[in-house]
Amino acid sequence: MHQQIAMISLVVRDYDEAISYYTQKLKFVLVEDTQQSETKRWVRVRPQGQSSFCLLLAKAATELQTSRVGNQTGGRVFLFLYTDNFNRDYQNLLDNNIRIVRPPSVENYGTVAVFEDLYGNLWDLIEPVDANA
């Protein structure tokens, strides 16, 4: 049996604002931006070098969804961005004025820092000790 998680929805305020942030500041690739209705688009982005997994940028459509923008996990780290070059990607965060919540530290699993995206979601930037992690 083969299964994999292909996407995860990230609730956002605005499609274009989110696309701009993820492609320009985090250097993600825009995989798809398809209009589905007058108010709904199918927008997928992925990190450089990632071939299968995508974030689905889902615009909040209700008051309840809007209340979850930036806090889908109750304040815990939500997403984990692995890198092959921590220093390069950490410098990119600094260069783009991305808020660092916890500065770099070396842990038993790798080098890690926590940053906040434009909505307040927390991310770990990790260069794992094990390159096959």
N, C-alpha and C. Protein backbone atom coordinates (compact mmCIF):
# COMPACT_ATOMS: atom_id res chain seq x y z
N MET A 1 0.85 -1.17 0.00
CA MET A 1 0.00 0.00 0.00
C MET A 1 0.90 1.24 0.00
N HIS A 2 0.50 2.22 -0.78
CA HIS A 2 1.24 3.49 -0.81
C HIS A 2 0.26 4.63 -0.59
N GLN A 3 0.52 5.43 0.43
CA GLN A 3 -0.28 6.62 0.68
C GLN A 3 0.65 7.78 0.94
N GLN A 4 0.17 8.97 0.68
CA GLN A 4 0.93 10.16 1.01
C GLN A 4 -0.02 11.33 1.16
N ILE A 5 0.37 12.29 1.97
CA ILE A 5 -0.40 13.52 2.08
C ILE A 5 0.06 14.41 0.94
N ALA A 6 -0.87 14.83 0.12
CA ALA A 6 -0.54 15.61 -1.07
C ALA A 6 -0.63 17.11 -0.83
N MET A 7 -1.56 17.52 0.03
CA MET A 7 -1.77 18.95 0.29
C MET A 7 -2.27 19.14 1.70
N ILE A 8 -2.11 20.37 2.16
CA ILE A 8 -2.75 20.80 3.39
C ILE A 8 -3.29 22.20 3.11
N SER A 9 -4.50 22.46 3.59
CA SER A 9 -5.10 23.78 3.39
C SER A 9 -4.56 24.76 4.42
N LEU A 10 -4.19 25.91 3.94
CA LEU A 10 -3.76 27.00 4.80
C LEU A 10 -4.76 28.13 4.58
N VAL A 11 -5.54 28.44 5.62
CA VAL A 11 -6.56 29.48 5.49
C VAL A 11 -5.88 30.85 5.46
N VAL A 12 -6.21 31.63 4.43
CA VAL A 12 -5.59 32.94 4.21
C VAL A 12 -6.67 34.02 4.08
N ARG A 13 -6.26 35.27 4.25
CA ARG A 13 -7.19 36.41 4.10
C ARG A 13 -7.47 36.72 2.65
N ASP A 14 -6.41 36.63 1.82
CA ASP A 14 -6.52 37.08 0.44
C ASP A 14 -5.58 36.24 -0.43
N TYR A 15 -6.08 35.79 -1.56
CA TYR A 15 -5.27 34.95 -2.44
C TYR A 15 -3.99 35.65 -2.91
N ASP A 16 -4.13 36.84 -3.47
CA ASP A 16 -2.98 37.52 -4.07
C ASP A 16 -1.94 37.91 -3.03
N GLU A 17 -2.40 38.34 -1.87
CA GLU A 17 -1.49 38.67 -0.77
C GLU A 17 -0.70 37.42 -0.36
N ALA A 18 -1.36 36.29 -0.24
CA ALA A 18 -0.70 35.05 0.16
C ALA A 18 0.26 34.55 -0.93
N ILE A 19 -0.17 34.60 -2.18
CA ILE A 19 0.72 34.19 -3.28
C ILE A 19 1.98 35.04 -3.26
N SER A 20 1.82 36.33 -3.14
CA SER A 20 2.96 37.24 -3.12
C SER A 20 3.92 36.90 -1.99
N TYR A 21 3.40 36.69 -0.80
CA TYR A 21 4.24 36.38 0.34
C TYR A 21 5.00 35.08 0.14
N TYR A 22 4.28 34.02 -0.20
CA TYR A 22 4.93 32.71 -0.28
C TYR A 22 5.89 32.60 -1.47
N THR A 23 5.59 33.26 -2.57
CA THR A 23 6.49 33.16 -3.72
C THR A 23 7.64 34.16 -3.65
N GLN A 24 7.40 35.35 -3.15
CA GLN A 24 8.45 36.36 -3.13
C GLN A 24 9.33 36.30 -1.88
N LYS A 25 8.71 36.11 -0.72
CA LYS A 25 9.49 36.13 0.52
C LYS A 25 10.05 34.76 0.89
N LEU A 26 9.24 33.72 0.76
CA LEU A 26 9.73 32.38 1.09
C LEU A 26 10.28 31.64 -0.12
N LYS A 27 10.16 32.25 -1.30
CA LYS A 27 10.71 31.68 -2.54
C LYS A 27 10.04 30.37 -2.95
N PHE A 28 8.76 30.20 -2.58
CA PHE A 28 8.01 29.03 -3.01
C PHE A 28 7.65 29.18 -4.48
N VAL A 29 7.25 28.07 -5.08
CA VAL A 29 6.83 28.03 -6.47
C VAL A 29 5.30 28.04 -6.52
N LEU A 30 4.74 28.89 -7.38
CA LEU A 30 3.30 28.86 -7.62
C LEU A 30 3.03 27.71 -8.58
N VAL A 31 2.33 26.71 -8.10
CA VAL A 31 2.05 25.51 -8.89
C VAL A 31 0.78 25.70 -9.71
N GLU A 32 -0.23 26.33 -9.11
CA GLU A 32 -1.52 26.47 -9.78
C GLU A 32 -2.30 27.63 -9.19
N ASP A 33 -2.99 28.33 -10.05
CA ASP A 33 -3.92 29.39 -9.63
C ASP A 33 -5.08 29.34 -10.61
N THR A 34 -6.11 28.59 -10.26
CA THR A 34 -7.24 28.35 -11.14
C THR A 34 -8.51 28.94 -10.54
N GLN A 35 -9.18 29.77 -11.31
CA GLN A 35 -10.46 30.36 -10.87
C GLN A 35 -11.52 29.26 -10.87
N GLN A 36 -12.21 29.08 -9.75
CA GLN A 36 -13.26 28.06 -9.66
C GLN A 36 -14.65 28.67 -9.65
N SER A 37 -14.76 29.85 -9.14
CA SER A 37 -16.03 30.57 -9.13
C SER A 37 -15.70 32.04 -9.01
N GLU A 38 -16.73 32.86 -8.85
CA GLU A 38 -16.50 34.29 -8.71
C GLU A 38 -15.64 34.63 -7.49
N THR A 39 -15.74 33.80 -6.45
CA THR A 39 -15.04 34.11 -5.20
C THR A 39 -14.00 33.07 -4.80
N LYS A 40 -13.94 31.95 -5.48
CA LYS A 40 -13.06 30.86 -5.07
C LYS A 40 -12.04 30.52 -6.13
N ARG A 41 -10.78 30.37 -5.68
CA ARG A 41 -9.69 29.94 -6.56
C ARG A 41 -9.01 28.71 -5.96
N TRP A 42 -8.41 27.92 -6.81
CA TRP A 42 -7.62 26.76 -6.40
C TRP A 42 -6.17 27.18 -6.54
N VAL A 43 -5.53 27.53 -5.40
CA VAL A 43 -4.18 28.09 -5.42
C VAL A 43 -3.26 27.15 -4.65
N ARG A 44 -2.25 26.64 -5.35
CA ARG A 44 -1.29 25.74 -4.74
C ARG A 44 0.12 26.30 -4.88
N VAL A 45 0.88 26.26 -3.77
CA VAL A 45 2.28 26.65 -3.77
C VAL A 45 3.08 25.53 -3.12
N ARG A 46 4.38 25.49 -3.46
CA ARG A 46 5.25 24.47 -2.86
C ARG A 46 6.65 25.03 -2.70
N PRO A 47 7.40 24.50 -1.74
CA PRO A 47 8.79 24.94 -1.59
C PRO A 47 9.62 24.53 -2.80
N GLN A 48 10.71 25.27 -3.03
CA GLN A 48 11.66 24.90 -4.08
C GLN A 48 12.16 23.48 -3.79
N GLY A 49 12.27 22.67 -4.82
CA GLY A 49 12.80 21.33 -4.65
C GLY A 49 11.78 20.30 -4.20
N GLN A 50 10.60 20.73 -3.84
CA GLN A 50 9.54 19.82 -3.42
C GLN A 50 8.74 19.44 -4.65
N SER A 51 8.52 18.16 -4.86
CA SER A 51 7.83 17.78 -6.08
C SER A 51 6.39 17.36 -5.87
N SER A 52 6.05 16.84 -4.70
CA SER A 52 4.70 16.30 -4.56
C SER A 52 3.80 17.07 -3.60
N PHE A 53 4.32 17.54 -2.49
CA PHE A 53 3.49 18.18 -1.47
C PHE A 53 3.28 19.66 -1.78
N CYS A 54 2.05 20.14 -1.58
CA CYS A 54 1.72 21.55 -1.80
C CYS A 54 0.92 22.09 -0.62
N LEU A 55 0.99 23.40 -0.47
CA LEU A 55 0.05 24.11 0.39
C LEU A 55 -1.08 24.60 -0.49
N LEU A 56 -2.29 24.34 -0.09
CA LEU A 56 -3.46 24.89 -0.77
C LEU A 56 -3.84 26.16 -0.02
N LEU A 57 -3.65 27.30 -0.68
CA LEU A 57 -4.00 28.58 -0.06
C LEU A 57 -5.50 28.79 -0.22
N ALA A 58 -6.22 28.65 0.88
CA ALA A 58 -7.68 28.67 0.88
C ALA A 58 -8.18 29.96 1.52
N LYS A 59 -8.80 30.80 0.73
CA LYS A 59 -9.30 32.07 1.25
C LYS A 59 -10.47 31.82 2.21
N ALA A 60 -10.39 32.44 3.37
CA ALA A 60 -11.46 32.32 4.36
C ALA A 60 -12.76 32.83 3.75
N ALA A 61 -13.81 32.03 3.90
CA ALA A 61 -15.10 32.38 3.29
C ALA A 61 -16.20 32.64 4.31
N THR A 62 -15.95 32.30 5.56
CA THR A 62 -16.95 32.50 6.61
C THR A 62 -16.30 33.22 7.78
N GLU A 63 -17.11 33.68 8.70
CA GLU A 63 -16.59 34.34 9.89
C GLU A 63 -15.74 33.38 10.72
N LEU A 64 -16.17 32.13 10.82
CA LEU A 64 -15.41 31.13 11.57
C LEU A 64 -14.04 30.89 10.92
N GLN A 65 -14.02 30.74 9.60
CA GLN A 65 -12.75 30.54 8.90
C GLN A 65 -11.84 31.76 9.08
N THR A 66 -12.41 32.94 8.96
CA THR A 66 -11.62 34.17 9.14
C THR A 66 -10.99 34.21 10.52
N SER A 67 -11.72 33.72 11.52
CA SER A 67 -11.18 33.73 12.89
C SER A 67 -10.00 32.78 13.05
N ARG A 68 -9.83 31.86 12.13
CA ARG A 68 -8.73 30.88 12.20
C ARG A 68 -7.50 31.29 11.39
N VAL A 69 -7.60 32.33 10.59
CA VAL A 69 -6.45 32.77 9.79
C VAL A 69 -5.30 33.09 10.75
N GLY A 70 -4.19 32.44 10.55
CA GLY A 70 -3.01 32.67 11.36
C GLY A 70 -2.96 31.90 12.66
N ASN A 71 -4.00 31.15 12.96
CA ASN A 71 -4.01 30.42 14.22
C ASN A 71 -4.74 29.10 14.06
N GLN A 72 -4.36 28.34 13.08
CA GLN A 72 -5.02 27.07 12.82
C GLN A 72 -4.64 25.99 13.83
N THR A 73 -3.58 26.22 14.61
CA THR A 73 -3.12 25.19 15.55
C THR A 73 -3.08 25.69 16.99
N GLY A 74 -3.79 26.74 17.29
CA GLY A 74 -3.85 27.22 18.65
C GLY A 74 -2.53 27.75 19.18
N GLY A 75 -1.69 28.28 18.29
CA GLY A 75 -0.44 28.89 18.71
C GLY A 75 0.77 27.98 18.66
N ARG A 76 0.58 26.72 18.29
CA ARG A 76 1.72 25.79 18.16
C ARG A 76 2.34 25.96 16.78
N VAL A 77 3.60 25.49 16.66
CA VAL A 77 4.21 25.46 15.34
C VAL A 77 3.31 24.61 14.45
N PHE A 78 3.03 25.14 13.26
CA PHE A 78 2.08 24.51 12.35
C PHE A 78 2.76 23.76 11.21
N LEU A 79 3.79 24.37 10.64
CA LEU A 79 4.42 23.79 9.47
C LEU A 79 5.93 23.69 9.69
N PHE A 80 6.53 22.70 9.06
CA PHE A 80 7.94 22.40 9.25
C PHE A 80 8.61 22.42 7.88
N LEU A 81 9.47 23.41 7.67
CA LEU A 81 10.15 23.60 6.39
C LEU A 81 11.58 23.10 6.52
N TYR A 82 11.84 21.95 5.90
CA TYR A 82 13.19 21.39 5.90
C TYR A 82 14.02 22.07 4.82
N THR A 83 15.30 22.23 5.10
CA THR A 83 16.21 22.87 4.17
C THR A 83 17.52 22.10 4.12
N ASP A 84 18.21 22.25 3.00
CA ASP A 84 19.54 21.66 2.87
C ASP A 84 20.62 22.70 3.20
N ASN A 85 20.19 23.95 3.49
CA ASN A 85 21.15 25.00 3.81
C ASN A 85 20.48 25.99 4.76
N PHE A 86 20.60 25.72 6.04
CA PHE A 86 19.94 26.55 7.05
C PHE A 86 20.37 28.01 6.95
N ASN A 87 21.68 28.25 6.86
CA ASN A 87 22.18 29.62 6.86
C ASN A 87 21.62 30.42 5.69
N ARG A 88 21.55 29.84 4.51
CA ARG A 88 20.99 30.53 3.33
C ARG A 88 19.53 30.91 3.57
N ASP A 89 18.75 29.94 4.03
CA ASP A 89 17.31 30.19 4.18
C ASP A 89 17.00 31.06 5.39
N TYR A 90 17.78 30.95 6.44
CA TYR A 90 17.59 31.83 7.59
C TYR A 90 17.92 33.28 7.19
N GLN A 91 18.99 33.46 6.42
CA GLN A 91 19.34 34.80 5.95
C GLN A 91 18.23 35.37 5.07
N ASN A 92 17.60 34.51 4.26
CA ASN A 92 16.48 34.96 3.44
C ASN A 92 15.34 35.47 4.31
N LEU A 93 15.06 34.78 5.43
CA LEU A 93 14.02 35.26 6.36
C LEU A 93 14.38 36.65 6.88
N LEU A 94 15.62 36.80 7.30
CA LEU A 94 16.07 38.10 7.82
C LEU A 94 16.00 39.17 6.74
N ASP A 95 16.47 38.86 5.54
CA ASP A 95 16.48 39.83 4.43
C ASP A 95 15.07 40.29 4.07
N ASN A 96 14.07 39.41 4.29
CA ASN A 96 12.69 39.74 3.95
C ASN A 96 11.88 40.21 5.15
N ASN A 97 12.59 40.55 6.25
CA ASN A 97 11.93 41.07 7.45
C ASN A 97 10.85 40.16 7.99
N ILE A 98 11.09 38.87 7.90
CA ILE A 98 10.16 37.89 8.44
C ILE A 98 10.45 37.76 9.93
N ARG A 99 9.41 37.81 10.73
CA ARG A 99 9.57 37.81 12.20
C ARG A 99 10.10 36.47 12.68
N ILE A 100 11.22 36.53 13.37
CA ILE A 100 11.81 35.35 13.99
C ILE A 100 11.26 35.25 15.41
N VAL A 101 10.62 34.15 15.71
CA VAL A 101 10.00 33.95 17.02
C VAL A 101 11.00 33.31 17.98
N ARG A 102 11.80 32.38 17.47
CA ARG A 102 12.83 31.75 18.28
C ARG A 102 14.09 31.66 17.42
N PRO A 103 15.19 32.25 17.87
CA PRO A 103 16.42 32.27 17.08
C PRO A 103 16.99 30.87 16.88
N PRO A 104 17.94 30.75 15.97
CA PRO A 104 18.51 29.44 15.66
C PRO A 104 19.10 28.75 16.90
N SER A 105 18.91 27.45 16.92
CA SER A 105 19.54 26.61 17.94
C SER A 105 19.89 25.28 17.30
N VAL A 106 20.90 24.65 17.86
CA VAL A 106 21.29 23.33 17.39
C VAL A 106 20.70 22.32 18.35
N GLU A 107 19.87 21.45 17.81
CA GLU A 107 19.19 20.41 18.59
C GLU A 107 19.71 19.05 18.13
N ASN A 108 19.32 17.98 18.81
CA ASN A 108 19.80 16.66 18.42
C ASN A 108 19.31 16.25 17.03
N TYR A 109 18.24 16.83 16.55
CA TYR A 109 17.68 16.49 15.24
C TYR A 109 18.15 17.44 14.13
N GLY A 110 18.77 18.57 14.50
CA GLY A 110 19.25 19.50 13.49
C GLY A 110 19.26 20.94 13.99
N THR A 111 19.52 21.85 13.06
CA THR A 111 19.50 23.28 13.36
C THR A 111 18.10 23.79 13.07
N VAL A 112 17.55 24.57 13.99
CA VAL A 112 16.15 24.99 13.87
C VAL A 112 15.98 26.43 14.34
N ALA A 113 15.05 27.11 13.70
CA ALA A 113 14.57 28.42 14.14
C ALA A 113 13.07 28.45 13.88
N VAL A 114 12.37 29.24 14.66
CA VAL A 114 10.92 29.38 14.47
C VAL A 114 10.64 30.76 13.91
N PHE A 115 9.84 30.80 12.84
CA PHE A 115 9.44 32.08 12.27
C PHE A 115 7.93 32.13 12.10
N GLU A 116 7.45 33.35 11.89
CA GLU A 116 6.02 33.60 11.76
C GLU A 116 5.74 34.06 10.34
N ASP A 117 4.71 33.48 9.71
CA ASP A 117 4.36 33.93 8.37
C ASP A 117 3.51 35.20 8.44
N LEU A 118 3.06 35.69 7.32
CA LEU A 118 2.35 36.97 7.29
C LEU A 118 1.07 36.97 8.09
N TYR A 119 0.51 35.80 8.39
CA TYR A 119 -0.73 35.74 9.14
C TYR A 119 -0.53 35.41 10.61
N GLY A 120 0.69 35.01 10.98
CA GLY A 120 0.97 34.64 12.35
C GLY A 120 1.15 33.15 12.57
N ASN A 121 0.99 32.33 11.52
CA ASN A 121 1.25 30.91 11.66
C ASN A 121 2.73 30.71 11.98
N LEU A 122 3.01 29.78 12.88
CA LEU A 122 4.39 29.50 13.25
C LEU A 122 4.94 28.35 12.42
N TRP A 123 6.18 28.54 11.97
CA TRP A 123 6.89 27.55 11.16
C TRP A 123 8.22 27.24 11.82
N ASP A 124 8.66 26.00 11.71
CA ASP A 124 10.04 25.63 12.02
C ASP A 124 10.81 25.61 10.71
N LEU A 125 11.95 26.27 10.68
CA LEU A 125 12.92 26.11 9.60
C LEU A 125 13.95 25.16 10.15
N ILE A 126 14.14 24.01 9.49
CA ILE A 126 15.01 22.96 10.04
C ILE A 126 15.97 22.45 8.97
N GLU A 127 17.24 22.42 9.33
CA GLU A 127 18.20 21.65 8.55
C GLU A 127 18.48 20.40 9.38
N PRO A 128 17.90 19.27 8.98
CA PRO A 128 18.03 18.05 9.80
C PRO A 128 19.48 17.53 9.82
N VAL A 129 19.82 16.89 10.92
CA VAL A 129 21.12 16.24 11.03
C VAL A 129 21.22 15.14 9.98
N ASP A 130 20.14 14.37 9.86
CA ASP A 130 20.08 13.28 8.89
C ASP A 130 19.53 13.82 7.60
N ALA A 131 20.34 13.88 6.57
CA ALA A 131 19.93 14.43 5.26
C ALA A 131 18.78 13.64 4.66
N ASN A 132 18.55 12.42 5.11
CA ASN A 132 17.45 11.59 4.57
C ASN A 132 16.18 11.72 5.38
N ALA A 133 16.15 12.62 6.36
CA ALA A 133 14.98 12.76 7.23
C ALA A 133 13.76 13.24 6.47
